[in-house]
N, C-alpha and C. Protein backbone atom coordinates (compact mmCIF):
# COMPACT_ATOMS: atom_id res chain seq x y z
N MET A 1 -110.91 -27.23 27.85
CA MET A 1 -110.50 -25.82 27.65
C MET A 1 -111.03 -25.78 26.07
N SER A 2 -111.60 -24.69 25.54
CA SER A 2 -111.97 -24.67 24.26
C SER A 2 -110.85 -23.76 23.40
N CYS A 3 -111.01 -24.16 22.04
CA CYS A 3 -109.86 -23.74 21.10
C CYS A 3 -109.50 -22.19 21.16
N SER A 4 -110.70 -21.48 21.23
CA SER A 4 -110.64 -19.83 21.43
C SER A 4 -109.89 -19.38 22.66
N VAL A 5 -109.97 -20.01 23.80
CA VAL A 5 -109.38 -19.57 25.03
C VAL A 5 -107.77 -20.11 24.68
N LEU A 6 -107.57 -21.24 24.24
CA LEU A 6 -105.84 -21.51 24.10
C LEU A 6 -105.47 -20.29 23.13
N VAL A 7 -106.17 -20.15 22.12
CA VAL A 7 -105.51 -19.01 21.05
C VAL A 7 -105.16 -17.82 21.60
N SER A 8 -106.30 -17.46 22.54
CA SER A 8 -106.13 -16.16 23.16
C SER A 8 -105.04 -16.07 24.41
N ARG A 9 -105.09 -17.16 24.79
CA ARG A 9 -103.71 -17.37 25.80
C ARG A 9 -102.56 -17.28 25.20
N HIS A 10 -102.50 -17.95 24.01
CA HIS A 10 -101.38 -17.98 23.33
C HIS A 10 -100.83 -16.88 22.82
N GLN A 11 -101.68 -15.71 22.34
CA GLN A 11 -101.63 -14.60 21.64
C GLN A 11 -101.13 -13.68 23.07
N SER A 12 -101.82 -13.78 23.92
CA SER A 12 -101.33 -13.10 25.27
C SER A 12 -100.01 -13.22 25.47
N TYR A 13 -99.55 -14.57 25.64
CA TYR A 13 -98.31 -14.78 25.91
C TYR A 13 -97.13 -14.27 25.02
N LEU A 14 -97.65 -14.29 23.76
CA LEU A 14 -96.61 -13.90 22.53
C LEU A 14 -96.59 -12.17 22.80
N PHE A 15 -97.52 -11.82 23.04
CA PHE A 15 -97.83 -10.21 23.48
C PHE A 15 -96.84 -9.92 24.67
N HIS A 16 -97.04 -10.43 25.59
CA HIS A 16 -96.06 -10.10 26.81
C HIS A 16 -94.76 -10.42 26.52
N SER A 17 -94.43 -11.39 25.84
CA SER A 17 -92.88 -11.98 25.64
C SER A 17 -92.50 -10.64 24.55
N TYR A 18 -93.36 -10.21 23.43
CA TYR A 18 -92.49 -9.12 22.77
C TYR A 18 -92.57 -8.02 23.56
N LYS A 19 -93.48 -7.48 24.38
CA LYS A 19 -93.13 -6.32 25.43
C LYS A 19 -92.01 -6.58 26.23
N GLN A 20 -91.97 -7.72 26.80
CA GLN A 20 -90.61 -7.60 27.61
C GLN A 20 -89.39 -7.74 26.79
N ALA A 21 -89.25 -8.21 25.60
CA ALA A 21 -88.25 -8.26 24.85
C ALA A 21 -87.85 -6.89 24.24
N LEU A 22 -88.78 -5.93 24.06
CA LEU A 22 -88.70 -4.82 23.77
C LEU A 22 -88.25 -3.73 24.81
N HIS A 23 -88.60 -4.13 25.88
CA HIS A 23 -88.39 -3.34 27.24
C HIS A 23 -86.83 -3.68 27.20
N SER A 24 -86.59 -4.82 27.55
CA SER A 24 -85.10 -5.20 27.58
C SER A 24 -84.24 -4.47 26.65
N ALA A 25 -84.63 -4.59 25.26
CA ALA A 25 -83.80 -3.98 24.25
C ALA A 25 -83.49 -2.37 24.73
N ASN A 26 -84.59 -1.89 24.79
CA ASN A 26 -84.31 -0.27 24.98
C ASN A 26 -83.79 0.00 26.22
N GLU A 27 -83.85 -0.99 27.31
CA GLU A 27 -82.79 -0.77 28.29
C GLU A 27 -81.49 -0.89 28.13
N ALA A 28 -81.21 -1.83 27.47
CA ALA A 28 -79.75 -2.22 27.07
C ALA A 28 -79.01 -1.10 26.19
N ARG A 29 -79.97 -0.55 25.30
CA ARG A 29 -79.46 0.50 24.46
C ARG A 29 -79.31 1.72 25.35
N SER A 30 -80.10 2.13 26.34
CA SER A 30 -79.79 3.08 27.18
C SER A 30 -78.54 3.00 27.84
N LEU A 31 -78.34 1.78 28.48
CA LEU A 31 -77.03 1.42 29.35
C LEU A 31 -75.91 1.55 28.56
N ALA A 32 -75.94 0.96 27.25
CA ALA A 32 -74.88 1.16 26.42
C ALA A 32 -74.60 2.61 26.11
N ALA A 33 -75.58 3.50 25.86
CA ALA A 33 -75.24 4.76 25.51
C ALA A 33 -74.63 5.53 26.92
N LYS A 34 -75.15 5.12 27.93
CA LYS A 34 -74.74 5.72 29.29
C LYS A 34 -73.45 5.42 29.56
N HIS A 35 -72.82 4.01 28.93
CA HIS A 35 -71.41 3.70 29.28
C HIS A 35 -70.36 3.96 28.01
N GLN A 36 -71.07 4.68 27.06
CA GLN A 36 -70.46 5.20 25.89
C GLN A 36 -69.95 3.87 25.04
N LEU A 37 -70.69 2.81 24.99
CA LEU A 37 -70.38 1.45 24.54
C LEU A 37 -71.08 1.77 22.92
N PRO A 38 -70.31 1.41 21.81
CA PRO A 38 -70.95 1.38 20.67
C PRO A 38 -72.11 0.18 20.43
N PHE A 39 -72.99 0.83 20.04
CA PHE A 39 -74.34 -0.12 19.85
C PHE A 39 -74.73 -0.32 18.61
N THR A 40 -74.73 0.40 17.72
CA THR A 40 -74.79 0.55 16.14
C THR A 40 -73.95 0.04 15.47
N ARG A 41 -73.98 -0.46 14.27
CA ARG A 41 -73.03 -0.84 13.30
C ARG A 41 -72.47 0.50 12.75
N PRO A 42 -71.19 0.46 12.20
CA PRO A 42 -70.73 1.80 11.48
C PRO A 42 -71.38 1.75 10.08
N ALA A 43 -71.45 2.97 9.60
CA ALA A 43 -72.03 3.03 8.25
C ALA A 43 -71.39 2.37 7.31
N ASP A 44 -70.11 2.10 7.17
CA ASP A 44 -69.47 1.35 5.91
C ASP A 44 -69.34 -0.11 6.27
N TYR A 45 -70.32 -0.53 7.34
CA TYR A 45 -69.98 -2.02 7.78
C TYR A 45 -70.82 -2.75 6.68
N PHE A 46 -70.42 -3.78 6.04
CA PHE A 46 -70.95 -4.62 5.05
C PHE A 46 -70.84 -6.17 5.87
N ALA A 47 -72.12 -6.60 6.10
CA ALA A 47 -72.22 -7.96 6.84
C ALA A 47 -72.14 -9.09 5.48
N GLU A 48 -71.71 -10.23 5.94
CA GLU A 48 -71.75 -11.27 4.96
C GLU A 48 -73.09 -11.92 4.74
N MET A 49 -73.45 -11.77 3.43
CA MET A 49 -74.92 -12.49 3.08
C MET A 49 -74.91 -13.96 3.09
N VAL A 50 -76.09 -14.22 3.62
CA VAL A 50 -76.62 -15.35 3.78
C VAL A 50 -76.76 -16.37 2.41
N LYS A 51 -77.19 -15.61 1.40
CA LYS A 51 -77.21 -16.10 0.23
C LYS A 51 -76.59 -15.59 -0.77
N SER A 52 -76.11 -16.48 -1.72
CA SER A 52 -75.22 -16.02 -2.68
C SER A 52 -75.94 -14.97 -3.66
N ASP A 53 -74.93 -14.12 -4.35
CA ASP A 53 -75.62 -13.18 -5.15
C ASP A 53 -76.28 -13.77 -6.39
N SER A 54 -75.82 -14.87 -6.74
CA SER A 54 -76.51 -15.63 -8.09
C SER A 54 -77.94 -16.19 -7.52
N HIS A 55 -77.97 -16.68 -6.30
CA HIS A 55 -79.36 -17.07 -5.64
C HIS A 55 -80.34 -15.94 -5.52
N MET A 56 -79.67 -14.76 -4.94
CA MET A 56 -80.48 -13.53 -5.16
C MET A 56 -81.15 -12.98 -6.60
N GLU A 57 -80.17 -13.23 -7.57
CA GLU A 57 -80.58 -12.67 -8.88
C GLU A 57 -81.71 -13.60 -9.56
N ARG A 58 -81.49 -15.05 -8.99
CA ARG A 58 -82.71 -15.95 -9.57
C ARG A 58 -83.92 -15.45 -8.61
N ILE A 59 -83.91 -15.20 -7.69
CA ILE A 59 -85.01 -14.71 -6.67
C ILE A 59 -85.75 -13.29 -7.38
N ARG A 60 -84.72 -12.38 -7.55
CA ARG A 60 -85.18 -11.29 -8.33
C ARG A 60 -85.88 -11.30 -9.43
N GLN A 61 -85.14 -12.37 -10.52
CA GLN A 61 -85.75 -12.72 -11.82
C GLN A 61 -87.29 -13.21 -11.48
N ARG A 62 -87.06 -14.23 -10.78
CA ARG A 62 -88.42 -14.70 -10.49
C ARG A 62 -89.64 -13.70 -9.94
N LEU A 63 -89.38 -12.84 -9.23
CA LEU A 63 -90.37 -11.96 -8.84
C LEU A 63 -90.66 -10.99 -10.05
N LEU A 64 -89.60 -10.78 -10.74
CA LEU A 64 -89.91 -9.69 -11.98
C LEU A 64 -90.69 -10.42 -13.02
N ASP A 65 -90.48 -11.90 -13.08
CA ASP A 65 -91.28 -12.71 -14.06
C ASP A 65 -92.79 -12.88 -13.54
N GLU A 66 -93.08 -12.86 -12.33
CA GLU A 66 -94.37 -13.02 -11.57
C GLU A 66 -95.13 -11.59 -11.75
N THR A 67 -94.40 -10.48 -11.64
CA THR A 67 -95.06 -9.21 -11.81
C THR A 67 -95.23 -9.07 -13.20
N ALA A 68 -94.45 -9.63 -14.21
CA ALA A 68 -94.77 -9.32 -15.58
C ALA A 68 -96.02 -10.25 -16.03
N ASN A 69 -95.90 -11.64 -15.25
CA ASN A 69 -97.12 -12.47 -15.75
C ASN A 69 -98.50 -11.88 -15.26
N ILE A 70 -98.37 -11.28 -13.96
CA ILE A 70 -99.55 -10.48 -13.47
C ILE A 70 -99.99 -9.50 -14.33
N LYS A 71 -99.04 -8.87 -14.65
CA LYS A 71 -99.61 -7.45 -15.56
C LYS A 71 -100.11 -8.06 -17.06
N LYS A 72 -99.49 -9.20 -17.50
CA LYS A 72 -99.97 -9.83 -18.85
C LYS A 72 -101.27 -10.34 -18.65
N SER A 73 -101.62 -10.85 -17.71
CA SER A 73 -103.08 -11.34 -17.43
C SER A 73 -103.99 -10.28 -17.07
N GLU A 74 -103.64 -9.25 -16.24
CA GLU A 74 -104.56 -8.30 -16.27
C GLU A 74 -104.79 -7.62 -17.59
N ASP A 75 -103.60 -7.42 -18.48
CA ASP A 75 -104.01 -6.82 -19.75
C ASP A 75 -104.80 -7.49 -20.72
N ALA A 76 -104.73 -8.93 -20.57
CA ALA A 76 -105.50 -9.79 -21.27
C ALA A 76 -106.97 -9.78 -20.76
N LYS A 77 -107.08 -9.61 -19.60
CA LYS A 77 -108.50 -9.61 -19.11
C LYS A 77 -109.15 -8.26 -19.32
N ARG A 78 -108.26 -7.12 -19.23
CA ARG A 78 -108.70 -5.75 -19.48
C ARG A 78 -109.12 -5.91 -21.33
N GLN A 79 -108.33 -6.51 -22.05
CA GLN A 79 -108.70 -6.75 -23.39
C GLN A 79 -110.04 -7.61 -23.56
N ARG A 80 -110.39 -8.39 -22.93
CA ARG A 80 -111.51 -9.16 -23.10
C ARG A 80 -112.78 -8.59 -22.56
N GLU A 81 -112.60 -7.74 -21.56
CA GLU A 81 -113.72 -6.69 -21.21
C GLU A 81 -113.94 -5.61 -22.31
N GLY A 82 -112.81 -5.16 -22.78
CA GLY A 82 -112.90 -4.25 -24.00
C GLY A 82 -113.63 -4.73 -25.14
N LYS A 83 -113.43 -6.10 -25.42
CA LYS A 83 -113.96 -6.65 -26.61
C LYS A 83 -115.57 -6.68 -26.28
N LYS A 84 -115.87 -7.27 -25.13
CA LYS A 84 -117.30 -7.40 -24.83
C LYS A 84 -117.95 -6.02 -24.84
N PHE A 85 -117.31 -4.85 -24.24
CA PHE A 85 -117.85 -3.77 -24.20
C PHE A 85 -118.09 -3.02 -25.70
N GLY A 86 -116.98 -3.36 -26.51
CA GLY A 86 -116.79 -2.95 -27.74
C GLY A 86 -117.69 -3.70 -28.66
N LYS A 87 -118.05 -4.66 -28.54
CA LYS A 87 -119.25 -5.45 -29.18
C LYS A 87 -120.59 -4.70 -29.00
N GLN A 88 -120.88 -4.47 -27.57
CA GLN A 88 -122.10 -3.74 -27.32
C GLN A 88 -122.12 -2.28 -27.94
N VAL A 89 -121.20 -1.61 -28.00
CA VAL A 89 -121.05 -0.37 -28.73
C VAL A 89 -121.22 -0.43 -30.06
N GLN A 90 -120.39 -1.31 -30.80
CA GLN A 90 -120.71 -1.76 -32.29
C GLN A 90 -122.22 -2.03 -32.33
N GLN A 91 -122.78 -2.74 -31.70
CA GLN A 91 -124.35 -2.98 -32.02
C GLN A 91 -125.08 -1.85 -31.73
N GLU A 92 -124.80 -1.11 -30.69
CA GLU A 92 -125.74 0.26 -30.54
C GLU A 92 -125.45 1.28 -31.65
N LYS A 93 -124.17 1.37 -32.17
CA LYS A 93 -123.86 2.36 -33.39
C LYS A 93 -124.76 1.67 -34.56
N LEU A 94 -124.51 0.37 -34.74
CA LEU A 94 -125.42 -0.33 -36.07
C LEU A 94 -126.84 0.28 -35.89
N LYS A 95 -127.43 -0.10 -34.67
CA LYS A 95 -128.93 0.19 -34.49
C LYS A 95 -129.15 1.78 -34.71
N GLU A 96 -128.10 2.66 -34.26
CA GLU A 96 -128.33 3.88 -34.51
C GLU A 96 -128.30 4.05 -35.62
N ARG A 97 -127.36 3.60 -36.67
CA ARG A 97 -127.26 4.02 -38.01
C ARG A 97 -128.66 3.65 -38.88
N VAL A 98 -129.01 2.41 -38.44
CA VAL A 98 -130.40 1.79 -39.25
C VAL A 98 -131.53 2.89 -38.72
N GLN A 99 -131.44 3.40 -37.74
CA GLN A 99 -132.52 4.17 -37.08
C GLN A 99 -132.46 5.46 -37.88
N ASN A 100 -131.15 5.93 -38.03
CA ASN A 100 -130.82 7.34 -38.75
C ASN A 100 -131.35 7.28 -40.32
N LYS A 101 -130.91 6.11 -40.77
CA LYS A 101 -131.16 5.66 -42.23
C LYS A 101 -132.86 5.77 -42.59
N LYS A 102 -133.55 5.08 -41.68
CA LYS A 102 -134.76 4.95 -41.57
C LYS A 102 -135.46 6.36 -41.58
N GLU A 103 -135.09 7.29 -40.61
CA GLU A 103 -135.61 8.68 -40.39
C GLU A 103 -135.28 9.43 -41.81
N MET A 104 -134.09 9.15 -42.28
CA MET A 104 -133.72 10.14 -43.45
C MET A 104 -134.82 9.49 -44.54
N GLU A 105 -134.95 8.39 -44.68
CA GLU A 105 -135.86 7.76 -45.69
C GLU A 105 -137.26 8.15 -45.75
N GLU A 106 -137.46 8.31 -44.52
CA GLU A 106 -139.15 8.93 -44.10
C GLU A 106 -139.06 10.55 -44.61
N ARG A 107 -137.84 11.11 -44.18
CA ARG A 107 -138.06 12.45 -44.62
C ARG A 107 -137.85 12.79 -46.13
N ILE A 108 -136.98 12.14 -46.78
CA ILE A 108 -137.00 12.07 -48.31
C ILE A 108 -138.49 11.68 -48.75
N LYS A 109 -138.88 10.61 -48.21
CA LYS A 109 -140.51 10.41 -48.87
C LYS A 109 -141.46 11.55 -48.64
N GLY A 110 -141.44 12.04 -47.56
CA GLY A 110 -142.20 13.25 -47.14
C GLY A 110 -141.87 14.30 -48.03
N LEU A 111 -140.76 14.41 -48.33
CA LEU A 111 -140.23 15.95 -49.22
C LEU A 111 -140.88 15.46 -50.74
N LYS A 112 -140.55 14.06 -51.16
CA LYS A 112 -141.30 13.76 -52.54
C LYS A 112 -142.71 13.79 -52.54
N ARG A 113 -143.22 13.71 -51.62
CA ARG A 113 -144.68 13.68 -51.56
C ARG A 113 -145.26 14.96 -51.65
N SER A 114 -144.55 15.90 -50.65
CA SER A 114 -144.96 17.31 -50.60
C SER A 114 -144.65 18.07 -52.10
N SER A 115 -143.39 17.51 -52.65
CA SER A 115 -143.01 18.14 -53.97
C SER A 115 -143.90 17.65 -54.96
N SER A 116 -144.34 16.53 -55.09
CA SER A 116 -145.23 16.27 -56.24
C SER A 116 -146.70 16.67 -56.06
N ASN A 117 -147.14 16.98 -54.56
CA ASN A 117 -148.46 17.79 -54.51
C ASN A 117 -148.32 19.05 -54.85
N SER A 118 -147.09 19.76 -55.07
CA SER A 118 -146.97 21.20 -55.19
C SER A 118 -147.15 21.57 -56.36
N PRO A 119 -148.04 22.67 -56.84
CA PRO A 119 -148.13 23.00 -58.11
C PRO A 119 -146.76 23.65 -58.60
N TYR A 120 -145.61 24.23 -57.78
CA TYR A 120 -144.54 24.61 -58.37
C TYR A 120 -143.72 23.54 -58.42
N LEU A 121 -142.85 23.48 -59.26
CA LEU A 121 -141.84 22.29 -59.49
C LEU A 121 -140.72 22.63 -58.70
N PHE A 122 -140.26 23.85 -58.60
CA PHE A 122 -139.00 24.11 -57.83
C PHE A 122 -139.10 25.07 -56.82
N GLY A 123 -140.27 25.19 -56.66
CA GLY A 123 -140.83 26.10 -55.28
C GLY A 123 -141.32 27.40 -55.67
N PRO A 124 -141.81 28.10 -54.91
CA PRO A 124 -142.93 29.11 -55.23
C PRO A 124 -142.31 30.22 -56.11
N LEU A 125 -140.91 30.58 -56.24
CA LEU A 125 -140.30 31.70 -57.14
C LEU A 125 -139.93 30.85 -58.43
N GLY A 126 -140.12 29.73 -58.52
CA GLY A 126 -139.40 28.92 -59.74
C GLY A 126 -138.14 28.79 -60.00
N VAL A 127 -137.52 28.88 -58.92
CA VAL A 127 -136.05 28.81 -58.86
C VAL A 127 -135.71 27.46 -58.69
């Protein structure tokens, strides 16, 4: 028999066992309600805890520490990504500034050439 057939049979068995248990529990609940037997716990019922409060506090603290570490690592990852992106942006800005500076120098040179070729020193009206 292959492994998948065994797994399939096992899953089928578990499914039918679950269905049978669920049906039995529902039937028992309806019988208890029919005979007016208390089936649920009262609202003010406090069960004894299996684990002590100190142990639960350690578990709670460990979960909080884990979530804090996860958040810290995500923030560090985001920071690294931001640095990479920030470097790209900074390089693009520098290239843009160099380009703007070159364009401005070309305009100034053009204006100097045009003003030196012009017979008017300050323009056509002498202003």
